Amino acid sequence: MQEFDYQLRPRILFGPNTVERIGELAKELGCKRAFLVSDPGLVKAGLYARGESSLKNAGIVVQGFHDLAENPTTDHIDRGVAAAKAFQPDLLLGLGGGSSMDCAKGINFIYSCGGTIHDYWGIGKATRSMLPMIAIPTTAGTGSETQSFALISDAKTHVKMACGDPKAACKMAVLDPTLTLTQPNMVTALTGIDAITHALETFVCNKRNPMSECYSREAWQLLSRGFSQVLHQPHDLDARGRMQLGACFAGMAIEASMLGIAHSLANPLTATMGVPHGQAVGMMMPHAIRFNSAVVEERYIELAHMLPEDAANPNMLASERLAVTTTRWLQIAGLSTTLRGLTGWPSALREDTPALQSFLMELAVNASKQWTASFNPRAASVDDLFELYQAAL
């Protein structure tokens, strides 16, 4: 049985309109000055105002920071640190998707410990205690609210840096499914697919353990039953709640274990072509499942038996059922299932030419350098990754 060292955290509050409690929760942490990180889209949607009002009603002084975008970069972090130093908060809050929460964590590293975000690339590099943080996710995808890692892209090289430390873990996570009701359909699709891949990869990765498996199973149960429903009935609050809880549990599974090659294959597509992460990882997931089936088919059997659609495919291998179902979910969501089907895929790379093969090999080399590749249950060489990209064409 796999050994593990896992700290139960954070405190999790779940339910409709729990965002109204963040002022009360902040006061429990002794907060007087709150730095609330949230992207401009959420300001326009009125979600930022709900969080700000709760804090102000509790007598807390609030400073908002909105100078960030999807996939926060070192530039966003530096500007956030400057704003935080001017304001001098005693609590950080990330309200939004993974970008807002990761940006808040990145700001916290530097504000609390000094240096630059590059100093915290890796694990356990925080030099002192960090400000307490509350995460309020408005999407159901990354599970960042339960993780001690921030993913920050270098503004110049576009390399994604995973900066993790137990000191960066949030004190509280507030899960309010009403905050996800205003999401555009495509955001619901992309974040939902991302969460699904988290459940799939954590359940088979080589760092899986009894603790992570509990979270992976429950995440899969919730997500596999909620995804189609939330796409067809976006105002169904129960479906929204299942997706948000499922994403949260999948995030806890990542924190207790790790991911695999679907994420390693996805990151170069995002870095080189700007492919949204959910699109990239979802498209590569079926190919990763088929590749991994040689060593973890028995684990895929367990997941396949949990599928609502499982009885319709009794003669198909479990891994193939999962791969086919994931592809079908991509189709239902209006996402591409192939590389050539991606918006913006270069026309010069549509034919099987030396230029295409060279590009795929470049992607494979980059994928092999991704941290998550080392946790895949089946070792993958550069040639293996190249073949997986070819299969996705």
Protein backbone atom coordinates (compact mmCIF):
# COMPACT_ATOMS: atom_id res chain seq x y z
CA MET A 1 0.00 0.00 0.00
CA GLN A 2 1.34 3.43 -1.01
CA GLU A 3 2.69 5.55 1.83
CA PHE A 4 1.44 9.13 2.08
CA ASP A 5 1.66 12.26 4.19
CA TYR A 6 -1.48 14.34 3.80
CA GLN A 7 -2.71 17.27 5.89
CA LEU A 8 -6.48 17.74 5.94
CA ARG A 9 -7.19 21.27 4.73
CA PRO A 10 -8.84 23.67 4.11
CA ARG A 11 -12.10 24.24 5.97
CA ILE A 12 -14.78 23.84 3.29
CA LEU A 13 -18.18 25.51 3.31
CA PHE A 14 -20.65 24.41 0.63
CA GLY A 15 -24.12 25.62 -0.22
CA PRO A 16 -26.14 28.22 -2.13
CA ASN A 17 -25.36 31.81 -1.16
CA THR A 18 -22.47 30.90 1.15
CA VAL A 19 -20.61 33.81 -0.47
CA GLU A 20 -22.67 36.02 1.84
CA ARG A 21 -20.72 34.55 4.77
CA ILE A 22 -17.21 35.55 3.72
CA GLY A 23 -17.29 38.70 5.83
CA GLU A 24 -18.14 36.63 8.89
CA LEU A 25 -15.44 34.10 8.00
CA ALA A 26 -12.85 36.80 7.44
CA LYS A 27 -13.62 38.23 10.89
CA GLU A 28 -13.00 34.76 12.37
CA LEU A 29 -9.48 35.00 10.94
CA GLY A 30 -8.99 38.39 12.58
CA CYS A 31 -9.21 40.29 9.31
CA LYS A 32 -9.43 44.07 9.21
CA ARG A 33 -8.01 44.73 5.73
CA ALA A 34 -8.85 42.33 2.88
CA PHE A 35 -7.16 42.15 -0.53
CA LEU A 36 -9.72 40.64 -2.91
CA VAL A 37 -8.33 39.24 -6.18
CA SER A 38 -10.90 38.79 -8.95
CA ASP A 39 -10.77 39.10 -12.73
CA PRO A 40 -12.49 41.92 -14.69
CA GLY A 41 -15.16 39.59 -16.09
CA LEU A 42 -16.43 38.82 -12.61
CA VAL A 43 -16.57 42.51 -11.79
CA LYS A 44 -18.81 43.03 -14.82
CA ALA A 45 -20.94 40.02 -13.90
CA GLY A 46 -21.56 41.45 -10.42
CA LEU A 47 -19.98 38.52 -8.59
CA TYR A 48 -17.10 40.57 -7.23
CA ALA A 49 -19.62 42.97 -5.71
CA ARG A 50 -21.26 40.14 -3.76
CA GLY A 51 -17.97 39.26 -2.09
CA GLU A 52 -16.99 42.87 -1.54
CA SER A 53 -20.37 43.69 0.05
CA SER A 54 -20.13 40.79 2.48
CA LEU A 55 -16.69 41.95 3.61
CA LYS A 56 -17.68 45.61 3.92
CA ASN A 57 -20.85 44.71 5.83
CA ALA A 58 -18.59 43.01 8.37
CA GLY A 59 -16.68 46.27 8.84
CA ILE A 60 -13.65 45.17 6.82
CA VAL A 61 -11.71 47.55 4.58
CA VAL A 62 -11.45 46.05 1.08
CA GLN A 63 -8.99 46.59 -1.75
CA GLY A 64 -9.77 44.89 -5.06
CA PHE A 65 -7.19 43.72 -7.58
CA HIS A 66 -8.39 42.95 -11.10
CA ASP A 67 -5.28 43.30 -13.27
CA LEU A 68 -5.09 39.65 -14.26
CA ALA A 69 -6.15 37.34 -17.07
CA GLU A 70 -6.56 33.65 -17.81
CA ASN A 71 -3.32 31.82 -17.02
CA PRO A 72 -1.77 34.52 -14.75
CA THR A 73 1.78 35.51 -15.57
CA THR A 74 4.73 36.85 -13.62
CA ASP A 75 3.72 40.36 -14.76
CA HIS A 76 0.28 40.00 -13.15
CA ILE A 77 1.86 38.73 -9.95
CA ASP A 78 4.34 41.61 -9.81
CA ARG A 79 1.57 44.19 -10.26
CA GLY A 80 -0.53 42.45 -7.61
CA VAL A 81 2.36 42.46 -5.14
CA ALA A 82 2.89 46.18 -5.68
CA ALA A 83 -0.81 46.84 -5.01
CA ALA A 84 -0.78 44.63 -1.92
CA LYS A 85 2.31 46.36 -0.50
CA ALA A 86 0.59 49.72 -0.92
CA PHE A 87 -2.57 48.45 0.82
CA GLN A 88 -0.98 46.28 3.57
CA PRO A 89 -3.70 43.59 3.91
CA ASP A 90 -3.97 41.00 6.66
CA LEU A 91 -6.03 38.59 4.53
CA LEU A 92 -5.99 37.57 0.86
CA LEU A 93 -9.05 36.30 -1.00
CA GLY A 94 -9.24 34.77 -4.46
CA LEU A 95 -12.71 35.03 -5.99
CA GLY A 96 -13.00 33.49 -9.45
CA GLY A 97 -11.65 30.58 -11.41
CA GLY A 98 -8.25 29.00 -11.05
CA SER A 99 -6.61 32.13 -12.44
CA SER A 100 -7.89 34.37 -9.63
CA MET A 101 -7.02 31.84 -6.94
CA ASP A 102 -3.58 31.10 -8.39
CA CYS A 103 -2.86 34.81 -8.77
CA ALA A 104 -3.78 35.39 -5.11
CA LYS A 105 -1.47 32.55 -4.04
CA GLY A 106 1.34 33.90 -6.21
CA ILE A 107 0.95 37.35 -4.71
CA ASN A 108 1.00 35.79 -1.25
CA PHE A 109 4.33 34.03 -1.86
CA ILE A 110 6.13 37.27 -2.68
CA TYR A 111 4.22 39.57 -0.34
CA SER A 112 4.87 37.26 2.62
CA CYS A 113 8.32 35.91 1.76
CA GLY A 114 9.94 38.40 -0.65
CA GLY A 115 11.90 37.72 -3.85
CA THR A 116 10.22 36.85 -7.14
CA ILE A 117 7.80 34.09 -8.03
CA HIS A 118 10.65 32.19 -9.70
CA ASP A 119 12.10 31.65 -6.22
CA TYR A 120 9.11 29.46 -5.34
CA TRP A 121 9.07 27.26 -8.43
CA GLY A 122 8.99 23.78 -6.95
CA ILE A 123 7.85 22.49 -3.58
CA GLY A 124 8.34 23.81 -0.06
CA LYS A 125 10.28 26.97 -0.84
CA ALA A 126 8.29 29.47 1.23
CA THR A 127 10.65 30.99 3.79
CA ARG A 128 8.12 32.16 6.39
CA SER A 129 4.45 32.02 7.30
CA MET A 130 2.10 33.45 4.71
CA LEU A 131 -1.06 35.54 5.01
CA PRO A 132 -4.24 33.53 5.55
CA MET A 133 -6.29 33.11 2.40
CA ILE A 134 -9.92 32.37 1.55
CA ALA A 135 -10.76 30.91 -1.87
CA ILE A 136 -14.18 31.42 -3.46
CA PRO A 137 -14.37 29.51 -6.78
CA THR A 138 -16.83 30.75 -9.38
CA THR A 139 -16.15 27.86 -11.76
CA ALA A 140 -16.15 24.09 -11.34
CA GLY A 141 -12.82 23.05 -12.77
CA THR A 142 -9.36 23.53 -11.31
CA GLY A 143 -10.00 22.68 -7.68
CA SER A 144 -7.35 25.29 -6.86
CA GLU A 145 -9.23 26.16 -3.68
CA THR A 146 -8.04 22.91 -2.09
CA GLN A 147 -4.46 22.93 -3.41
CA SER A 148 -1.26 24.44 -2.07
CA PHE A 149 0.07 25.09 -5.59
CA ALA A 150 -0.12 28.16 -7.81
CA LEU A 151 0.44 27.75 -11.56
CA ILE A 152 2.09 30.89 -12.89
CA SER A 153 3.39 31.41 -16.44
CA ASP A 154 6.65 33.24 -17.07
CA ALA A 155 5.65 36.34 -19.05
CA LYS A 156 8.69 36.03 -21.34
CA THR A 157 9.23 32.30 -21.84
CA HIS A 158 5.57 31.22 -21.30
CA VAL A 159 6.82 28.30 -19.20
CA LYS A 160 4.28 27.30 -16.55
CA MET A 161 5.78 27.24 -13.07
CA ALA A 162 4.17 25.11 -10.36
CA CYS A 163 4.87 26.87 -7.07
CA GLY A 164 3.76 24.80 -4.10
CA ASP A 165 4.12 24.92 -0.36
CA PRO A 166 1.86 23.83 2.53
CA LYS A 167 2.07 27.40 3.81
CA ALA A 168 0.26 28.54 0.65
CA ALA A 169 -2.81 26.38 1.29
CA CYS A 170 -6.04 28.29 1.84
CA LYS A 171 -7.50 28.48 5.32
CA MET A 172 -11.04 28.26 3.93
CA ALA A 173 -12.80 27.40 0.69
CA VAL A 174 -16.31 28.75 0.11
CA LEU A 175 -18.24 26.73 -2.47
CA ASP A 176 -21.35 28.59 -3.59
CA PRO A 177 -22.98 27.01 -6.67
CA THR A 178 -24.99 30.19 -7.32
CA LEU A 179 -21.72 31.84 -8.34
CA THR A 180 -21.42 29.42 -11.27
CA LEU A 181 -24.87 30.14 -12.74
CA THR A 182 -23.67 33.13 -14.78
CA GLN A 183 -20.86 31.23 -16.50
CA PRO A 184 -20.93 31.21 -20.31
CA ASN A 185 -21.66 27.72 -21.64
CA MET A 186 -18.14 27.37 -23.00
CA VAL A 187 -16.61 28.15 -19.60
CA THR A 188 -18.87 25.52 -18.03
CA ALA A 189 -17.69 23.02 -20.67
CA LEU A 190 -13.97 23.80 -20.44
CA THR A 191 -13.81 23.82 -16.65
CA GLY A 192 -16.00 20.73 -16.35
CA ILE A 193 -13.80 18.74 -18.72
CA ASP A 194 -10.74 19.88 -16.77
CA ALA A 195 -12.25 18.59 -13.52
CA ILE A 196 -13.13 15.26 -15.17
CA THR A 197 -9.52 14.78 -16.28
CA HIS A 198 -8.37 15.47 -12.72
CA ALA A 199 -10.55 12.66 -11.41
CA LEU A 200 -9.37 10.29 -14.14
CA GLU A 201 -5.66 10.99 -13.77
CA THR A 202 -5.46 11.09 -9.98
CA PHE A 203 -7.19 7.70 -9.75
CA VAL A 204 -4.42 5.95 -11.70
CA CYS A 205 -1.26 8.06 -11.14
CA ASN A 206 1.72 6.43 -9.47
CA LYS A 207 1.32 8.62 -6.38
CA ARG A 208 -2.24 7.47 -5.73
CA ASN A 209 -2.92 6.35 -2.16
CA PRO A 210 -5.92 5.43 0.00
CA MET A 211 -6.60 9.08 0.82
CA SER A 212 -6.46 10.37 -2.76
CA GLU A 213 -8.54 7.45 -4.03
CA CYS A 214 -11.43 8.46 -1.77
CA TYR A 215 -11.49 11.92 -3.31
CA SER A 216 -10.99 10.65 -6.88
CA ARG A 217 -13.89 8.20 -6.62
CA GLU A 218 -16.32 10.74 -5.20
CA ALA A 219 -15.21 13.35 -7.73
CA TRP A 220 -15.80 10.88 -10.56
CA GLN A 221 -19.24 9.93 -9.22
CA LEU A 222 -20.31 13.59 -9.07
CA LEU A 223 -18.71 14.79 -12.29
CA SER A 224 -19.68 11.85 -14.51
CA ARG A 225 -23.32 12.34 -13.52
CA GLY A 226 -23.33 16.11 -13.48
CA PHE A 227 -21.49 17.14 -16.64
CA SER A 228 -24.09 16.35 -19.31
CA GLN A 229 -26.86 17.61 -17.05
CA VAL A 230 -25.22 20.97 -16.40
CA LEU A 231 -24.67 21.47 -20.14
CA HIS A 232 -28.30 20.67 -20.99
CA GLN A 233 -29.78 22.44 -17.95
CA PRO A 234 -27.37 25.23 -17.03
CA HIS A 235 -29.73 26.73 -14.43
CA ASP A 236 -30.09 23.46 -12.51
CA LEU A 237 -28.55 24.41 -9.16
CA ASP A 238 -28.24 20.78 -8.06
CA ALA A 239 -26.21 19.96 -11.18
CA ARG A 240 -24.09 23.05 -10.58
CA GLY A 241 -23.51 21.92 -7.03
CA ARG A 242 -22.46 18.43 -8.12
CA MET A 243 -19.94 19.89 -10.55
CA GLN A 244 -18.53 22.32 -8.02
CA LEU A 245 -18.19 19.67 -5.30
CA GLY A 246 -16.77 17.21 -7.83
CA ALA A 247 -14.15 19.72 -8.93
CA CYS A 248 -13.31 20.41 -5.29
CA PHE A 249 -12.85 16.71 -4.48
CA ALA A 250 -10.76 16.26 -7.63
CA GLY A 251 -8.58 19.13 -6.45
CA MET A 252 -8.17 17.40 -3.10
CA ALA A 253 -7.17 14.23 -4.97
CA ILE A 254 -4.47 16.22 -6.80
CA GLU A 255 -3.21 17.64 -3.52
CA ALA A 256 -3.02 14.13 -2.05
CA SER A 257 -1.46 12.53 -5.17
CA MET A 258 -0.73 14.01 -8.61
CA LEU A 259 -1.73 13.99 -12.31
CA GLY A 260 -0.30 12.33 -15.46
CA ILE A 261 0.53 12.61 -19.15
CA ALA A 262 -2.79 14.07 -20.32
CA HIS A 263 -1.74 17.26 -18.55
CA SER A 264 1.83 16.93 -19.81
CA LEU A 265 0.51 16.68 -23.38
CA ALA A 266 -1.90 19.58 -22.88
CA ASN A 267 0.49 22.19 -21.49
CA PRO A 268 2.62 22.61 -24.67
CA LEU A 269 -0.56 23.13 -26.70
CA THR A 270 -1.58 25.94 -24.37
CA ALA A 271 1.91 27.45 -24.28
CA THR A 272 2.60 27.35 -28.04
CA MET A 273 -0.88 27.82 -29.52
CA GLY A 274 -2.97 29.35 -26.76
CA VAL A 275 -5.34 26.37 -26.70
CA PRO A 276 -7.58 26.66 -23.60
CA HIS A 277 -6.43 24.22 -20.96
CA GLY A 278 -9.75 22.36 -20.70
CA GLN A 279 -9.84 21.88 -24.47
CA ALA A 280 -6.24 20.68 -24.61
CA VAL A 281 -6.34 18.26 -21.71
CA GLY A 282 -9.78 16.93 -22.61
CA MET A 283 -8.71 16.20 -26.19
CA MET A 284 -5.58 14.34 -25.05
CA MET A 285 -7.30 12.42 -22.24
CA PRO A 286 -8.78 9.57 -24.35
CA HIS A 287 -5.35 8.88 -25.85
CA ALA A 288 -3.74 8.89 -22.41
CA ILE A 289 -6.37 6.42 -21.18
CA ARG A 290 -5.66 4.02 -24.04
CA PHE A 291 -1.90 4.33 -23.46
CA ASN A 292 -2.24 3.69 -19.73
CA SER A 293 -4.66 0.78 -20.10
CA ALA A 294 -1.74 -1.65 -20.44
CA VAL A 295 -0.92 -1.17 -16.77
CA VAL A 296 -4.08 0.13 -15.03
CA GLU A 297 -6.99 -1.53 -16.86
CA GLU A 298 -8.29 -2.97 -13.58
CA ARG A 299 -8.57 0.54 -12.16
CA TYR A 300 -10.41 1.75 -15.25
CA ILE A 301 -12.88 -1.12 -14.72
CA GLU A 302 -13.85 0.43 -11.39
CA LEU A 303 -14.42 3.86 -12.96
CA ALA A 304 -16.31 2.42 -15.93
CA HIS A 305 -18.74 0.65 -13.61
CA MET A 306 -19.63 4.03 -12.12
CA LEU A 307 -20.57 5.51 -15.48
CA PRO A 308 -24.28 6.18 -15.99
CA GLU A 309 -23.82 4.97 -19.59
CA ASP A 310 -21.84 1.85 -18.63
CA ALA A 311 -24.64 -0.68 -19.23
CA ALA A 312 -24.93 0.43 -22.86
CA ASN A 313 -21.42 -0.83 -23.67
CA PRO A 314 -21.14 -4.26 -22.03
CA ASN A 315 -18.74 -5.74 -24.59
CA MET A 316 -16.21 -2.93 -24.64
CA LEU A 317 -13.02 -2.78 -22.59
CA ALA A 318 -13.35 -0.48 -19.60
CA SER A 319 -10.56 1.79 -20.84
CA GLU A 320 -12.23 2.09 -24.22
CA ARG A 321 -15.57 2.90 -22.58
CA LEU A 322 -13.90 5.71 -20.65
CA ALA A 323 -12.07 6.99 -23.75
CA VAL A 324 -15.23 6.91 -25.87
CA THR A 325 -17.31 8.56 -23.15
CA THR A 326 -14.76 11.34 -22.69
CA THR A 327 -14.77 11.94 -26.45
CA ARG A 328 -18.56 12.06 -26.45
CA TRP A 329 -18.54 14.61 -23.64
CA LEU A 330 -16.19 16.78 -25.70
CA GLN A 331 -18.58 16.55 -28.65
CA ILE A 332 -21.62 17.40 -26.50
CA ALA A 333 -19.71 20.40 -25.16
CA GLY A 334 -18.85 21.64 -28.65
CA LEU A 335 -15.12 21.08 -28.16
CA SER A 336 -12.69 19.68 -30.69
CA THR A 337 -11.73 16.02 -30.44
CA THR A 338 -8.72 16.34 -32.77
CA LEU A 339 -5.69 18.57 -33.21
CA ARG A 340 -6.65 19.45 -36.77
CA GLY A 341 -10.09 20.46 -35.53
CA LEU A 342 -8.69 23.11 -33.19
CA THR A 343 -9.52 26.69 -33.97
CA GLY A 344 -6.29 28.26 -35.14
CA TRP A 345 -4.55 25.02 -36.12
CA PRO A 346 -2.12 26.21 -38.86
CA SER A 347 -3.21 25.33 -42.38
CA ALA A 348 0.42 24.46 -43.18
CA LEU A 349 0.18 21.62 -40.65
CA ARG A 350 -2.98 20.00 -41.98
CA GLU A 351 -1.15 17.62 -44.30
CA ASP A 352 1.27 14.89 -43.24
CA THR A 353 4.48 16.73 -44.08
CA PRO A 354 7.95 16.93 -42.51
CA ALA A 355 6.89 20.28 -41.01
CA LEU A 356 4.00 18.60 -39.20
CA GLN A 357 6.18 15.79 -37.89
CA SER A 358 8.76 18.30 -36.69
CA PHE A 359 6.11 20.32 -34.89
CA LEU A 360 4.66 17.23 -33.19
CA MET A 361 8.13 16.16 -32.08
CA GLU A 362 8.75 19.61 -30.63
CA LEU A 363 5.50 19.30 -28.69
CA ALA A 364 6.52 15.81 -27.51
CA VAL A 365 9.89 17.03 -26.26
CA ASN A 366 8.17 19.82 -24.33
CA ALA A 367 5.58 17.40 -22.95
CA SER A 368 8.33 15.09 -21.68
CA LYS A 369 9.71 17.96 -19.59
CA GLN A 370 6.41 18.56 -17.81
CA TRP A 371 6.43 17.65 -14.14
CA THR A 372 3.19 15.65 -14.29
CA ALA A 373 4.70 13.19 -16.80
CA SER A 374 6.79 11.66 -14.01
CA PHE A 375 3.64 10.63 -12.12
CA ASN A 376 1.98 8.78 -14.99
CA PRO A 377 1.32 5.11 -14.15
CA ARG A 378 3.08 4.02 -17.36
CA ALA A 379 6.42 5.58 -18.23
CA ALA A 380 6.19 7.57 -21.45
CA SER A 381 9.19 8.31 -23.67
CA VAL A 382 9.40 11.22 -26.09
CA ASP A 383 8.54 8.78 -28.88
CA ASP A 384 5.47 7.62 -26.96
CA LEU A 385 4.30 11.20 -26.51
CA PHE A 386 4.94 11.88 -30.20
CA GLU A 387 2.72 8.92 -31.11
CA LEU A 388 -0.01 10.19 -28.81
CA TYR A 389 0.00 13.56 -30.58
CA GLN A 390 -0.15 11.69 -33.90
CA ALA A 391 -3.14 9.72 -32.65
CA ALA A 392 -4.86 13.01 -31.76
CA LEU A 393 -4.41 14.53 -35.24
